[in-house]
């Protein structure tokens, strides 16, 4: 462990890793093509990265297939639905419009990545296109695409992510209630109440 604090250089990386093939480099596009749109139409989950001078943030986003809308080959949009009200992504985009999206497709061994610039909008026409059921979002994020590419799914298979045997037994890790009461000095009985409330909210209070 004596060298744990040492950092590699760009030359070290060039020595350790082969350059990407020409085919891989040519697959990075500045706009969507029909096969990208097909995957986005099927997508139900993504991780969204943003940042500001105060730091970085990554947040999960999910919805029914098609919750991310293709506006045109250069833009996609999606609703901001209620979460913990930290709204770090929205605040970050006001300060720094750069963002990155990583789509996961349950059962498939591939990722889709979009890098671009995001704006937080409240345009009624846009919000109406992003309704889910009778619920209209307060805001939407419109993404101007700079790069779109597919990423291989080796990480999925290393994690055995879609394997039923990889599902984590709830009892192996602390529950939400146990963690919250540990931080606030609550009792085991209070932890059980928090767990029951969380279980109800996370499944039913989606919008």
N, C-alpha and C. Protein backbone atom coordinates (compact mmCIF):
# COMPACT_ATOMS: atom_id res chain seq x y z
N UNK A 1 0.82 -1.21 0.00
CA UNK A 1 0.00 0.00 0.00
C UNK A 1 0.86 1.26 0.00
N UNK A 2 2.17 1.12 -0.12
CA UNK A 2 3.05 2.29 0.00
C UNK A 2 2.85 3.28 -1.13
N UNK A 3 2.38 2.82 -2.30
CA UNK A 3 2.22 3.70 -3.46
C UNK A 3 0.79 4.15 -3.67
N UNK A 4 -0.05 4.00 -2.64
CA UNK A 4 -1.47 4.28 -2.84
C UNK A 4 -1.72 5.75 -3.15
N UNK A 5 -0.85 6.64 -2.69
CA UNK A 5 -1.07 8.07 -2.91
C UNK A 5 -0.53 8.54 -4.25
N UNK A 6 0.21 7.71 -4.98
CA UNK A 6 0.79 8.14 -6.26
C UNK A 6 -0.29 8.19 -7.32
N UNK A 7 -0.16 9.13 -8.25
CA UNK A 7 -1.14 9.30 -9.31
C UNK A 7 -0.52 8.97 -10.66
N UNK A 8 -1.33 8.44 -11.55
CA UNK A 8 -0.83 8.13 -12.88
C UNK A 8 -0.85 9.40 -13.72
N UNK A 9 -0.09 9.39 -14.78
CA UNK A 9 -0.04 10.49 -15.73
C UNK A 9 -0.76 10.09 -17.01
N UNK A 10 -0.95 11.05 -17.89
CA UNK A 10 -1.53 10.74 -19.19
C UNK A 10 -0.70 9.72 -19.95
N UNK A 11 0.61 9.84 -19.83
CA UNK A 11 1.49 8.87 -20.49
C UNK A 11 1.29 7.48 -19.92
N UNK A 12 1.08 7.38 -18.61
CA UNK A 12 0.82 6.08 -17.99
C UNK A 12 -0.45 5.45 -18.56
N UNK A 13 -1.49 6.26 -18.71
CA UNK A 13 -2.74 5.74 -19.24
C UNK A 13 -2.56 5.27 -20.68
N UNK A 14 -1.82 6.03 -21.48
CA UNK A 14 -1.57 5.63 -22.87
C UNK A 14 -0.82 4.31 -22.93
N UNK A 15 0.04 4.08 -21.94
CA UNK A 15 0.79 2.83 -21.90
C UNK A 15 -0.08 1.66 -21.44
N UNK A 16 -0.98 1.92 -20.51
CA UNK A 16 -1.79 0.86 -19.92
C UNK A 16 -2.97 0.44 -20.79
N UNK A 17 -3.53 1.39 -21.55
CA UNK A 17 -4.74 1.11 -22.32
C UNK A 17 -4.53 1.35 -23.81
N UNK A 18 -5.05 0.43 -24.61
CA UNK A 18 -5.03 0.62 -26.06
C UNK A 18 -6.02 1.70 -26.44
N UNK A 19 -5.78 2.44 -27.51
CA UNK A 19 -6.74 3.47 -27.94
C UNK A 19 -8.02 2.82 -28.45
N UNK A 20 -9.15 3.52 -28.39
CA UNK A 20 -10.39 2.95 -28.92
C UNK A 20 -10.28 2.75 -30.42
N UNK A 21 -10.96 1.74 -30.89
CA UNK A 21 -10.91 1.45 -32.32
C UNK A 21 -11.59 2.56 -33.12
N UNK A 22 -11.30 2.61 -34.40
CA UNK A 22 -11.93 3.61 -35.27
C UNK A 22 -13.44 3.44 -35.28
N UNK A 23 -13.91 2.19 -35.26
CA UNK A 23 -15.36 1.95 -35.27
C UNK A 23 -16.03 2.53 -34.03
N UNK A 24 -15.36 2.38 -32.88
CA UNK A 24 -15.91 2.92 -31.64
C UNK A 24 -15.92 4.44 -31.68
N UNK A 25 -14.86 5.04 -32.18
CA UNK A 25 -14.80 6.50 -32.25
C UNK A 25 -15.86 7.05 -33.21
N UNK A 26 -16.10 6.35 -34.31
CA UNK A 26 -17.08 6.82 -35.28
C UNK A 26 -18.51 6.64 -34.78
N UNK A 27 -18.70 5.81 -33.76
CA UNK A 27 -20.04 5.57 -33.22
C UNK A 27 -20.50 6.67 -32.26
N UNK A 28 -19.60 7.60 -31.93
CA UNK A 28 -19.97 8.75 -31.10
C UNK A 28 -20.50 9.84 -32.02
N UNK A 29 -21.78 10.16 -31.88
CA UNK A 29 -22.44 11.10 -32.79
C UNK A 29 -22.92 12.35 -32.04
N UNK A 30 -23.09 13.46 -32.77
CA UNK A 30 -23.59 14.69 -32.14
C UNK A 30 -25.11 14.81 -32.21
N UNK A 31 -25.78 13.77 -32.64
CA UNK A 31 -27.24 13.80 -32.78
C UNK A 31 -27.78 12.38 -32.75
N UNK A 32 -29.08 12.28 -32.55
CA UNK A 32 -29.73 10.98 -32.54
C UNK A 32 -29.97 10.48 -33.96
N UNK A 33 -29.92 9.15 -34.08
CA UNK A 33 -30.35 8.48 -35.31
C UNK A 33 -31.44 7.49 -34.90
N UNK A 34 -32.15 6.89 -35.86
CA UNK A 34 -33.31 6.07 -35.48
C UNK A 34 -33.05 4.99 -34.44
N UNK A 35 -31.87 4.34 -34.45
CA UNK A 35 -31.69 3.29 -33.46
C UNK A 35 -31.50 3.86 -32.06
N UNK A 36 -30.95 5.07 -31.94
CA UNK A 36 -30.92 5.72 -30.61
C UNK A 36 -32.36 5.98 -30.14
N UNK A 37 -33.18 6.49 -31.04
CA UNK A 37 -34.56 6.83 -30.69
C UNK A 37 -35.34 5.59 -30.26
N UNK A 38 -35.06 4.45 -30.88
CA UNK A 38 -35.75 3.21 -30.49
C UNK A 38 -35.42 2.83 -29.06
N UNK A 39 -34.15 2.98 -28.67
CA UNK A 39 -33.76 2.67 -27.30
C UNK A 39 -34.35 3.67 -26.31
N UNK A 40 -34.34 4.94 -26.65
CA UNK A 40 -34.90 5.94 -25.75
C UNK A 40 -36.39 5.70 -25.56
N UNK A 41 -37.09 5.31 -26.60
CA UNK A 41 -38.52 5.03 -26.49
C UNK A 41 -38.80 3.84 -25.57
N UNK A 42 -37.83 2.94 -25.44
CA UNK A 42 -37.99 1.76 -24.58
C UNK A 42 -37.47 1.99 -23.17
N UNK A 43 -36.74 3.08 -22.95
CA UNK A 43 -36.04 3.30 -21.68
C UNK A 43 -37.01 3.60 -20.54
N UNK A 44 -36.73 3.02 -19.38
CA UNK A 44 -37.50 3.27 -18.17
C UNK A 44 -36.65 3.80 -17.02
N UNK A 45 -35.33 3.88 -17.20
CA UNK A 45 -34.46 4.31 -16.10
C UNK A 45 -33.17 4.90 -16.64
N UNK A 46 -32.70 5.97 -15.97
CA UNK A 46 -31.40 6.54 -16.29
C UNK A 46 -30.81 7.16 -15.04
N UNK A 47 -29.50 7.35 -15.06
CA UNK A 47 -28.80 8.12 -14.04
C UNK A 47 -28.37 9.43 -14.69
N UNK A 48 -28.58 10.53 -13.96
CA UNK A 48 -28.33 11.86 -14.48
C UNK A 48 -27.23 12.52 -13.67
N UNK A 49 -26.17 12.97 -14.33
CA UNK A 49 -25.05 13.63 -13.66
C UNK A 49 -25.04 15.11 -14.01
N UNK A 50 -24.79 15.93 -12.98
CA UNK A 50 -24.67 17.37 -13.18
C UNK A 50 -23.69 17.90 -12.15
N UNK A 51 -23.39 19.19 -12.22
CA UNK A 51 -22.44 19.73 -11.27
C UNK A 51 -22.46 21.24 -11.23
N UNK A 52 -21.76 21.78 -10.26
CA UNK A 52 -21.59 23.23 -10.11
C UNK A 52 -20.30 23.45 -9.35
N UNK A 53 -20.01 24.69 -9.03
CA UNK A 53 -18.80 24.98 -8.27
C UNK A 53 -18.83 24.35 -6.89
N UNK A 54 -20.04 24.06 -6.40
CA UNK A 54 -20.17 23.45 -5.07
C UNK A 54 -19.94 21.95 -5.08
N UNK A 55 -19.95 21.32 -6.25
CA UNK A 55 -19.71 19.89 -6.31
C UNK A 55 -20.53 19.20 -7.37
N UNK A 56 -20.48 17.88 -7.38
CA UNK A 56 -21.12 17.06 -8.38
C UNK A 56 -22.32 16.34 -7.80
N UNK A 57 -23.21 15.89 -8.69
CA UNK A 57 -24.40 15.19 -8.25
C UNK A 57 -24.76 14.14 -9.30
N UNK A 58 -25.24 13.01 -8.83
CA UNK A 58 -25.80 11.98 -9.73
C UNK A 58 -27.12 11.55 -9.14
N UNK A 59 -28.16 11.54 -9.96
CA UNK A 59 -29.48 11.19 -9.44
C UNK A 59 -30.18 10.23 -10.37
N UNK A 60 -31.01 9.32 -9.81
CA UNK A 60 -31.76 8.37 -10.64
C UNK A 60 -33.03 9.03 -11.18
N UNK A 61 -33.40 8.65 -12.39
CA UNK A 61 -34.64 9.11 -13.01
C UNK A 61 -35.33 7.91 -13.63
N UNK A 62 -36.63 7.80 -13.43
CA UNK A 62 -37.34 6.66 -13.98
C UNK A 62 -38.77 6.98 -14.31
N UNK A 63 -39.37 6.12 -15.13
CA UNK A 63 -40.76 6.28 -15.51
C UNK A 63 -41.16 5.19 -16.47
N UNK A 64 -42.38 5.26 -16.96
CA UNK A 64 -42.80 4.27 -17.95
C UNK A 64 -42.00 4.43 -19.23
N UNK A 65 -41.96 3.38 -20.04
CA UNK A 65 -41.22 3.45 -21.31
C UNK A 65 -41.66 4.69 -22.08
N UNK A 66 -40.67 5.46 -22.53
CA UNK A 66 -40.97 6.69 -23.25
C UNK A 66 -41.02 7.91 -22.35
N UNK A 67 -40.64 7.78 -21.08
CA UNK A 67 -40.70 8.95 -20.19
C UNK A 67 -39.71 10.03 -20.61
N UNK A 68 -38.66 9.65 -21.34
CA UNK A 68 -37.78 10.63 -21.99
C UNK A 68 -38.28 10.79 -23.42
N UNK A 69 -38.61 12.01 -23.79
CA UNK A 69 -39.19 12.28 -25.10
C UNK A 69 -38.12 12.80 -26.06
N UNK A 70 -38.12 12.26 -27.25
CA UNK A 70 -37.27 12.80 -28.31
C UNK A 70 -38.00 13.99 -28.91
N UNK A 71 -37.43 15.17 -28.77
CA UNK A 71 -38.02 16.39 -29.33
C UNK A 71 -37.67 16.51 -30.81
N UNK A 72 -36.41 16.28 -31.12
CA UNK A 72 -35.89 16.26 -32.47
C UNK A 72 -34.53 15.56 -32.39
N UNK A 73 -33.82 15.37 -33.51
CA UNK A 73 -32.55 14.63 -33.43
C UNK A 73 -31.50 15.26 -32.53
N UNK A 74 -31.70 16.51 -32.13
CA UNK A 74 -30.69 17.20 -31.32
C UNK A 74 -31.15 17.46 -29.89
N UNK A 75 -32.37 17.08 -29.55
CA UNK A 75 -32.89 17.39 -28.22
C UNK A 75 -33.76 16.27 -27.67
N UNK A 76 -33.64 16.03 -26.35
CA UNK A 76 -34.57 15.17 -25.62
C UNK A 76 -35.05 15.95 -24.40
N UNK A 77 -36.17 15.51 -23.84
CA UNK A 77 -36.73 16.19 -22.67
C UNK A 77 -37.33 15.16 -21.73
N UNK A 78 -37.34 15.49 -20.45
CA UNK A 78 -37.97 14.63 -19.46
C UNK A 78 -38.45 15.48 -18.28
N UNK A 79 -39.45 14.97 -17.58
CA UNK A 79 -40.05 15.69 -16.46
C UNK A 79 -39.20 15.57 -15.21
N UNK A 80 -39.31 16.57 -14.34
CA UNK A 80 -38.76 16.45 -12.99
C UNK A 80 -39.92 16.16 -12.06
N UNK A 81 -39.91 14.95 -11.48
CA UNK A 81 -40.97 14.54 -10.56
C UNK A 81 -40.50 14.65 -9.12
N UNK A 82 -41.42 14.66 -8.14
CA UNK A 82 -41.03 14.85 -6.74
C UNK A 82 -40.06 13.79 -6.24
N UNK A 83 -39.12 14.25 -5.42
CA UNK A 83 -38.18 13.35 -4.77
C UNK A 83 -38.01 13.81 -3.34
N UNK A 84 -36.75 14.12 -2.97
CA UNK A 84 -36.50 14.55 -1.60
C UNK A 84 -36.46 16.07 -1.47
N UNK A 85 -36.77 16.77 -2.56
CA UNK A 85 -36.81 18.24 -2.58
C UNK A 85 -35.44 18.89 -2.40
N UNK A 86 -34.37 18.13 -2.55
CA UNK A 86 -33.05 18.76 -2.59
C UNK A 86 -32.85 19.48 -3.92
N UNK A 87 -33.50 19.02 -4.97
CA UNK A 87 -33.47 19.58 -6.34
C UNK A 87 -32.06 20.04 -6.74
N UNK A 88 -31.07 19.23 -6.39
CA UNK A 88 -29.69 19.60 -6.70
C UNK A 88 -29.44 19.68 -8.20
N UNK A 89 -30.04 18.78 -8.97
CA UNK A 89 -29.84 18.82 -10.41
C UNK A 89 -30.34 20.14 -10.98
N UNK A 90 -31.54 20.56 -10.57
CA UNK A 90 -32.11 21.79 -11.11
C UNK A 90 -31.24 22.99 -10.74
N UNK A 91 -30.81 23.03 -9.50
CA UNK A 91 -29.95 24.15 -9.08
C UNK A 91 -28.60 24.11 -9.79
N UNK A 92 -28.05 22.91 -9.97
CA UNK A 92 -26.79 22.80 -10.69
C UNK A 92 -26.90 23.35 -12.11
N UNK A 93 -27.99 23.00 -12.79
CA UNK A 93 -28.14 23.42 -14.19
C UNK A 93 -28.29 24.92 -14.33
N UNK A 94 -28.76 25.59 -13.30
CA UNK A 94 -28.82 27.05 -13.35
C UNK A 94 -27.43 27.66 -13.33
N UNK A 95 -26.48 26.94 -12.72
CA UNK A 95 -25.12 27.45 -12.61
C UNK A 95 -24.19 26.89 -13.68
N UNK A 96 -24.44 25.66 -14.08
CA UNK A 96 -23.57 24.96 -15.04
C UNK A 96 -24.46 24.03 -15.84
N UNK A 97 -24.63 24.31 -17.13
CA UNK A 97 -25.63 23.57 -17.90
C UNK A 97 -25.14 22.23 -18.42
N UNK A 98 -23.92 21.83 -18.12
CA UNK A 98 -23.42 20.53 -18.57
C UNK A 98 -24.11 19.40 -17.81
N UNK A 99 -24.44 18.34 -18.53
CA UNK A 99 -25.01 17.16 -17.88
C UNK A 99 -24.65 15.91 -18.68
N UNK A 100 -24.87 14.76 -18.04
CA UNK A 100 -24.65 13.47 -18.69
C UNK A 100 -25.75 12.52 -18.27
N UNK A 101 -26.20 11.70 -19.21
CA UNK A 101 -27.28 10.75 -18.97
C UNK A 101 -26.77 9.35 -19.29
N UNK A 102 -27.03 8.41 -18.39
CA UNK A 102 -26.66 7.02 -18.61
C UNK A 102 -27.93 6.17 -18.48
N UNK A 103 -28.38 5.61 -19.58
CA UNK A 103 -29.59 4.80 -19.60
C UNK A 103 -29.25 3.33 -19.35
N UNK A 104 -30.04 2.69 -18.47
CA UNK A 104 -29.96 1.24 -18.25
C UNK A 104 -31.23 0.62 -18.80
N UNK A 105 -31.10 -0.57 -19.40
CA UNK A 105 -32.22 -1.26 -20.01
C UNK A 105 -32.36 -2.64 -19.37
N UNK A 106 -33.30 -2.82 -18.44
CA UNK A 106 -33.42 -4.10 -17.75
C UNK A 106 -33.45 -5.29 -18.70
N UNK A 107 -32.53 -6.23 -18.43
CA UNK A 107 -32.45 -7.43 -19.25
C UNK A 107 -31.50 -7.34 -20.42
N UNK A 108 -31.04 -6.13 -20.78
CA UNK A 108 -30.15 -5.95 -21.92
C UNK A 108 -28.73 -5.65 -21.47
N UNK A 109 -27.75 -6.11 -22.24
CA UNK A 109 -26.34 -5.93 -21.90
C UNK A 109 -25.76 -4.74 -22.64
N UNK A 110 -26.37 -3.56 -22.50
CA UNK A 110 -25.90 -2.37 -23.19
C UNK A 110 -26.37 -1.14 -22.43
N UNK A 111 -25.58 -0.08 -22.50
CA UNK A 111 -25.95 1.22 -21.96
C UNK A 111 -26.05 2.21 -23.12
N UNK A 112 -26.82 3.27 -22.93
CA UNK A 112 -26.83 4.40 -23.85
C UNK A 112 -26.42 5.63 -23.07
N UNK A 113 -25.50 6.40 -23.64
CA UNK A 113 -25.01 7.60 -22.97
C UNK A 113 -25.30 8.83 -23.81
N UNK A 114 -25.72 9.90 -23.13
CA UNK A 114 -25.88 11.20 -23.78
C UNK A 114 -25.15 12.23 -22.94
N UNK A 115 -24.30 13.02 -23.58
CA UNK A 115 -23.66 14.16 -22.95
C UNK A 115 -24.18 15.41 -23.64
N UNK A 116 -24.48 16.44 -22.85
CA UNK A 116 -25.00 17.63 -23.48
C UNK A 116 -25.17 18.78 -22.52
N UNK A 117 -26.09 19.67 -22.88
CA UNK A 117 -26.38 20.86 -22.09
C UNK A 117 -27.86 20.86 -21.74
N UNK A 118 -28.16 21.18 -20.49
CA UNK A 118 -29.54 21.11 -20.04
C UNK A 118 -30.09 22.46 -19.62
N UNK A 119 -31.40 22.64 -19.86
CA UNK A 119 -32.11 23.83 -19.40
C UNK A 119 -33.34 23.39 -18.63
N UNK A 120 -33.65 24.08 -17.54
CA UNK A 120 -34.86 23.81 -16.77
C UNK A 120 -35.96 24.73 -17.30
N UNK A 121 -37.07 24.13 -17.74
CA UNK A 121 -38.13 24.89 -18.39
C UNK A 121 -39.47 24.66 -17.72
N UNK A 122 -40.36 25.63 -17.88
CA UNK A 122 -41.73 25.51 -17.39
C UNK A 122 -42.74 25.78 -18.49
N UNK A 123 -42.34 25.66 -19.73
CA UNK A 123 -43.23 25.93 -20.86
C UNK A 123 -44.42 24.98 -20.81
N UNK A 124 -45.65 25.50 -20.76
CA UNK A 124 -46.83 24.63 -20.63
C UNK A 124 -46.95 23.57 -21.72
N UNK A 125 -46.62 23.93 -22.95
CA UNK A 125 -46.73 22.95 -24.04
C UNK A 125 -45.79 21.78 -23.83
N UNK A 126 -44.58 22.08 -23.37
CA UNK A 126 -43.61 21.01 -23.12
C UNK A 126 -44.06 20.16 -21.94
N UNK A 127 -44.47 20.79 -20.85
CA UNK A 127 -44.92 20.05 -19.68
C UNK A 127 -46.09 19.13 -20.01
N UNK A 128 -46.97 19.59 -20.90
CA UNK A 128 -48.14 18.78 -21.27
C UNK A 128 -47.73 17.50 -21.97
N UNK A 129 -46.65 17.55 -22.74
CA UNK A 129 -46.20 16.34 -23.45
C UNK A 129 -45.57 15.33 -22.50
N UNK A 130 -45.22 15.78 -21.28
CA UNK A 130 -44.53 14.91 -20.32
C UNK A 130 -45.43 14.45 -19.18
N UNK A 131 -46.73 14.71 -19.29
CA UNK A 131 -47.67 14.26 -18.27
C UNK A 131 -47.63 12.74 -18.12
N UNK A 132 -47.84 12.28 -16.90
CA UNK A 132 -48.02 10.85 -16.66
C UNK A 132 -49.36 10.68 -15.96
N UNK A 133 -50.28 10.05 -16.65
CA UNK A 133 -51.65 10.00 -16.17
C UNK A 133 -52.22 11.40 -16.19
N UNK A 134 -52.77 11.82 -15.06
CA UNK A 134 -53.32 13.17 -14.95
C UNK A 134 -52.35 14.15 -14.30
N UNK A 135 -51.12 13.70 -14.06
CA UNK A 135 -50.15 14.52 -13.37
C UNK A 135 -49.25 15.28 -14.35
N UNK A 136 -49.14 16.58 -14.14
CA UNK A 136 -48.27 17.43 -14.95
C UNK A 136 -47.08 17.86 -14.09
N UNK A 137 -45.86 17.73 -14.58
CA UNK A 137 -44.71 18.12 -13.77
C UNK A 137 -44.61 19.63 -13.60
N UNK A 138 -43.92 20.05 -12.54
CA UNK A 138 -43.68 21.47 -12.31
C UNK A 138 -42.64 22.03 -13.29
N UNK A 139 -41.64 21.21 -13.58
CA UNK A 139 -40.58 21.63 -14.48
C UNK A 139 -40.17 20.46 -15.38
N UNK A 140 -39.45 20.80 -16.43
CA UNK A 140 -38.88 19.78 -17.32
C UNK A 140 -37.44 20.17 -17.62
N UNK A 141 -36.65 19.18 -17.97
CA UNK A 141 -35.27 19.42 -18.40
C UNK A 141 -35.18 19.12 -19.89
N UNK A 142 -34.76 20.13 -20.65
CA UNK A 142 -34.54 19.98 -22.08
C UNK A 142 -33.04 19.85 -22.31
N UNK A 143 -32.64 18.78 -22.98
CA UNK A 143 -31.22 18.48 -23.18
C UNK A 143 -30.85 18.71 -24.63
N UNK A 144 -29.87 19.58 -24.86
CA UNK A 144 -29.27 19.75 -26.18
C UNK A 144 -28.11 18.77 -26.28
N UNK A 145 -28.21 17.84 -27.20
CA UNK A 145 -27.26 16.73 -27.29
C UNK A 145 -25.94 17.19 -27.93
N UNK A 146 -24.84 16.84 -27.27
CA UNK A 146 -23.52 17.07 -27.84
C UNK A 146 -22.87 15.76 -28.27
N UNK A 147 -23.10 14.70 -27.50
CA UNK A 147 -22.57 13.38 -27.83
C UNK A 147 -23.60 12.33 -27.45
N UNK A 148 -23.76 11.34 -28.30
CA UNK A 148 -24.58 10.18 -27.97
C UNK A 148 -23.83 8.94 -28.42
N UNK A 149 -23.83 7.92 -27.57
CA UNK A 149 -23.09 6.71 -27.89
C UNK A 149 -23.63 5.55 -27.07
N UNK A 150 -23.42 4.35 -27.59
CA UNK A 150 -23.71 3.14 -26.82
C UNK A 150 -22.44 2.71 -26.08
N UNK A 151 -22.65 2.11 -24.92
CA UNK A 151 -21.54 1.65 -24.09
C UNK A 151 -21.75 0.17 -23.83
N UNK A 152 -20.68 -0.59 -23.91
CA UNK A 152 -20.81 -2.04 -23.73
C UNK A 152 -21.28 -2.38 -22.32
N UNK A 153 -21.90 -3.55 -22.19
CA UNK A 153 -22.52 -3.96 -20.94
C UNK A 153 -21.68 -4.89 -20.09
N UNK A 154 -20.36 -4.82 -20.20
CA UNK A 154 -19.54 -5.72 -19.38
C UNK A 154 -19.76 -5.50 -17.88
N UNK A 155 -19.98 -4.24 -17.49
CA UNK A 155 -20.21 -3.96 -16.07
C UNK A 155 -21.47 -4.66 -15.58
N UNK A 156 -22.49 -4.74 -16.45
CA UNK A 156 -23.72 -5.44 -16.08
C UNK A 156 -23.44 -6.90 -15.77
N UNK A 157 -22.62 -7.52 -16.59
CA UNK A 157 -22.33 -8.94 -16.39
C UNK A 157 -21.35 -9.18 -15.25
N UNK A 158 -20.45 -8.23 -15.02
CA UNK A 158 -19.59 -8.36 -13.84
C UNK A 158 -20.42 -8.29 -12.57
N UNK A 159 -21.44 -7.43 -12.58
CA UNK A 159 -22.31 -7.29 -11.42
C UNK A 159 -23.42 -8.34 -11.39
N UNK A 160 -23.58 -9.08 -12.50
CA UNK A 160 -24.71 -10.01 -12.65
C UNK A 160 -26.02 -9.28 -12.32
N UNK A 161 -26.13 -8.07 -12.88
CA UNK A 161 -27.18 -7.15 -12.46
C UNK A 161 -28.58 -7.68 -12.70
N UNK A 162 -28.79 -8.37 -13.81
CA UNK A 162 -30.14 -8.84 -14.13
C UNK A 162 -30.38 -10.27 -13.66
N UNK A 163 -29.42 -10.85 -12.97
CA UNK A 163 -29.55 -12.23 -12.48
C UNK A 163 -30.41 -12.25 -11.23
N UNK A 164 -31.41 -13.09 -11.20
CA UNK A 164 -32.30 -13.17 -10.05
C UNK A 164 -31.54 -13.47 -8.76
N UNK A 165 -30.47 -14.24 -8.87
CA UNK A 165 -29.69 -14.59 -7.67
C UNK A 165 -28.91 -13.40 -7.11
N UNK A 166 -28.84 -12.29 -7.86
CA UNK A 166 -28.12 -11.11 -7.39
C UNK A 166 -29.00 -10.19 -6.55
N UNK A 167 -30.27 -10.48 -6.45
CA UNK A 167 -31.15 -9.64 -5.63
C UNK A 167 -30.70 -9.68 -4.18
N UNK A 168 -30.63 -8.51 -3.55
CA UNK A 168 -30.10 -8.40 -2.19
C UNK A 168 -31.20 -8.66 -1.18
N UNK A 169 -30.94 -9.52 -0.24
CA UNK A 169 -31.85 -9.78 0.86
C UNK A 169 -31.95 -8.53 1.73
N UNK A 170 -33.16 -8.01 1.91
CA UNK A 170 -33.38 -6.79 2.66
C UNK A 170 -32.73 -6.83 4.05
N UNK A 171 -32.69 -8.01 4.67
CA UNK A 171 -32.16 -8.13 6.03
C UNK A 171 -30.64 -8.01 6.09
N UNK A 172 -29.95 -8.04 4.94
CA UNK A 172 -28.49 -8.00 4.95
C UNK A 172 -27.94 -6.61 5.22
N UNK A 173 -28.75 -5.57 4.99
CA UNK A 173 -28.28 -4.20 5.15
C UNK A 173 -29.28 -3.41 6.01
N UNK A 174 -28.84 -2.33 6.65
CA UNK A 174 -29.76 -1.54 7.48
C UNK A 174 -30.91 -0.99 6.65
N UNK A 175 -32.08 -0.91 7.27
CA UNK A 175 -33.25 -0.36 6.58
C UNK A 175 -33.21 1.17 6.63
N UNK A 176 -34.07 1.81 5.84
CA UNK A 176 -34.18 3.26 5.85
C UNK A 176 -34.51 3.76 7.26
N UNK A 177 -35.46 3.10 7.90
CA UNK A 177 -35.84 3.50 9.25
C UNK A 177 -34.71 3.36 10.25
N UNK A 178 -33.96 2.27 10.16
CA UNK A 178 -32.84 2.05 11.08
C UNK A 178 -31.76 3.11 10.89
N UNK A 179 -31.50 3.47 9.64
CA UNK A 179 -30.48 4.49 9.38
C UNK A 179 -30.94 5.86 9.87
N UNK A 180 -32.21 6.18 9.58
CA UNK A 180 -32.71 7.50 9.97
C UNK A 180 -32.72 7.66 11.49
N UNK A 181 -33.18 6.64 12.20
CA UNK A 181 -33.22 6.75 13.66
C UNK A 181 -31.83 6.71 14.28
N UNK A 182 -30.89 6.04 13.62
CA UNK A 182 -29.51 6.06 14.12
C UNK A 182 -28.94 7.47 14.04
N UNK A 183 -29.32 8.22 13.00
CA UNK A 183 -28.82 9.58 12.83
C UNK A 183 -29.52 10.58 13.75
N UNK A 184 -30.77 10.27 14.10
CA UNK A 184 -31.56 11.22 14.89
C UNK A 184 -31.76 10.80 16.34
N UNK A 185 -31.26 9.62 16.71
CA UNK A 185 -31.39 9.15 18.08
C UNK A 185 -32.73 8.54 18.40
N UNK A 186 -33.42 8.02 17.38
CA UNK A 186 -34.72 7.40 17.60
C UNK A 186 -34.61 5.98 18.11
N UNK A 187 -35.76 5.40 18.40
CA UNK A 187 -35.82 4.05 18.96
C UNK A 187 -36.10 3.02 17.88
N UNK A 188 -35.89 1.73 18.16
CA UNK A 188 -36.25 0.68 17.20
C UNK A 188 -37.72 0.73 16.79
N UNK A 189 -38.60 1.08 17.74
CA UNK A 189 -40.02 1.19 17.40
C UNK A 189 -40.25 2.30 16.39
N UNK A 190 -39.54 3.41 16.55
CA UNK A 190 -39.67 4.52 15.59
C UNK A 190 -39.12 4.11 14.22
N UNK A 191 -38.07 3.29 14.24
CA UNK A 191 -37.51 2.82 12.96
C UNK A 191 -38.53 2.00 12.19
N UNK A 192 -39.31 1.19 12.89
CA UNK A 192 -40.33 0.39 12.22
C UNK A 192 -41.41 1.27 11.60
N UNK A 193 -41.77 2.34 12.29
CA UNK A 193 -42.77 3.27 11.75
C UNK A 193 -42.23 3.95 10.50
N UNK A 194 -40.99 4.40 10.56
CA UNK A 194 -40.36 5.05 9.40
C UNK A 194 -40.31 4.08 8.22
N UNK A 195 -39.94 2.85 8.48
CA UNK A 195 -39.88 1.86 7.40
C UNK A 195 -41.24 1.65 6.75
N UNK A 196 -42.28 1.58 7.55
CA UNK A 196 -43.63 1.39 7.02
C UNK A 196 -44.05 2.59 6.17
N UNK A 197 -43.75 3.78 6.66
CA UNK A 197 -44.10 5.00 5.92
C UNK A 197 -43.31 5.08 4.61
N UNK A 198 -42.03 4.75 4.68
CA UNK A 198 -41.19 4.80 3.48
C UNK A 198 -41.68 3.80 2.43
N UNK A 199 -41.98 2.59 2.87
CA UNK A 199 -42.44 1.54 1.97
C UNK A 199 -43.71 1.99 1.23
N UNK A 200 -44.60 2.64 1.95
CA UNK A 200 -45.84 3.13 1.35
C UNK A 200 -45.56 4.27 0.38
N UNK A 201 -44.75 5.21 0.80
CA UNK A 201 -44.48 6.40 0.00
C UNK A 201 -43.71 6.08 -1.28
N UNK A 202 -42.67 5.26 -1.15
CA UNK A 202 -41.79 5.01 -2.29
C UNK A 202 -42.48 4.23 -3.40
N UNK A 203 -43.57 3.55 -3.05
CA UNK A 203 -44.31 2.77 -4.04
C UNK A 203 -45.56 3.47 -4.56
N UNK A 204 -46.11 4.40 -3.76
CA UNK A 204 -47.41 4.97 -4.15
C UNK A 204 -47.39 6.48 -4.38
N UNK A 205 -46.54 7.20 -3.68
CA UNK A 205 -46.52 8.66 -3.83
C UNK A 205 -45.52 9.06 -4.91
N UNK A 206 -45.78 8.62 -6.14
CA UNK A 206 -44.79 8.77 -7.20
C UNK A 206 -44.85 10.13 -7.89
N UNK A 207 -45.98 10.79 -7.81
CA UNK A 207 -46.14 12.06 -8.52
C UNK A 207 -46.72 13.14 -7.61
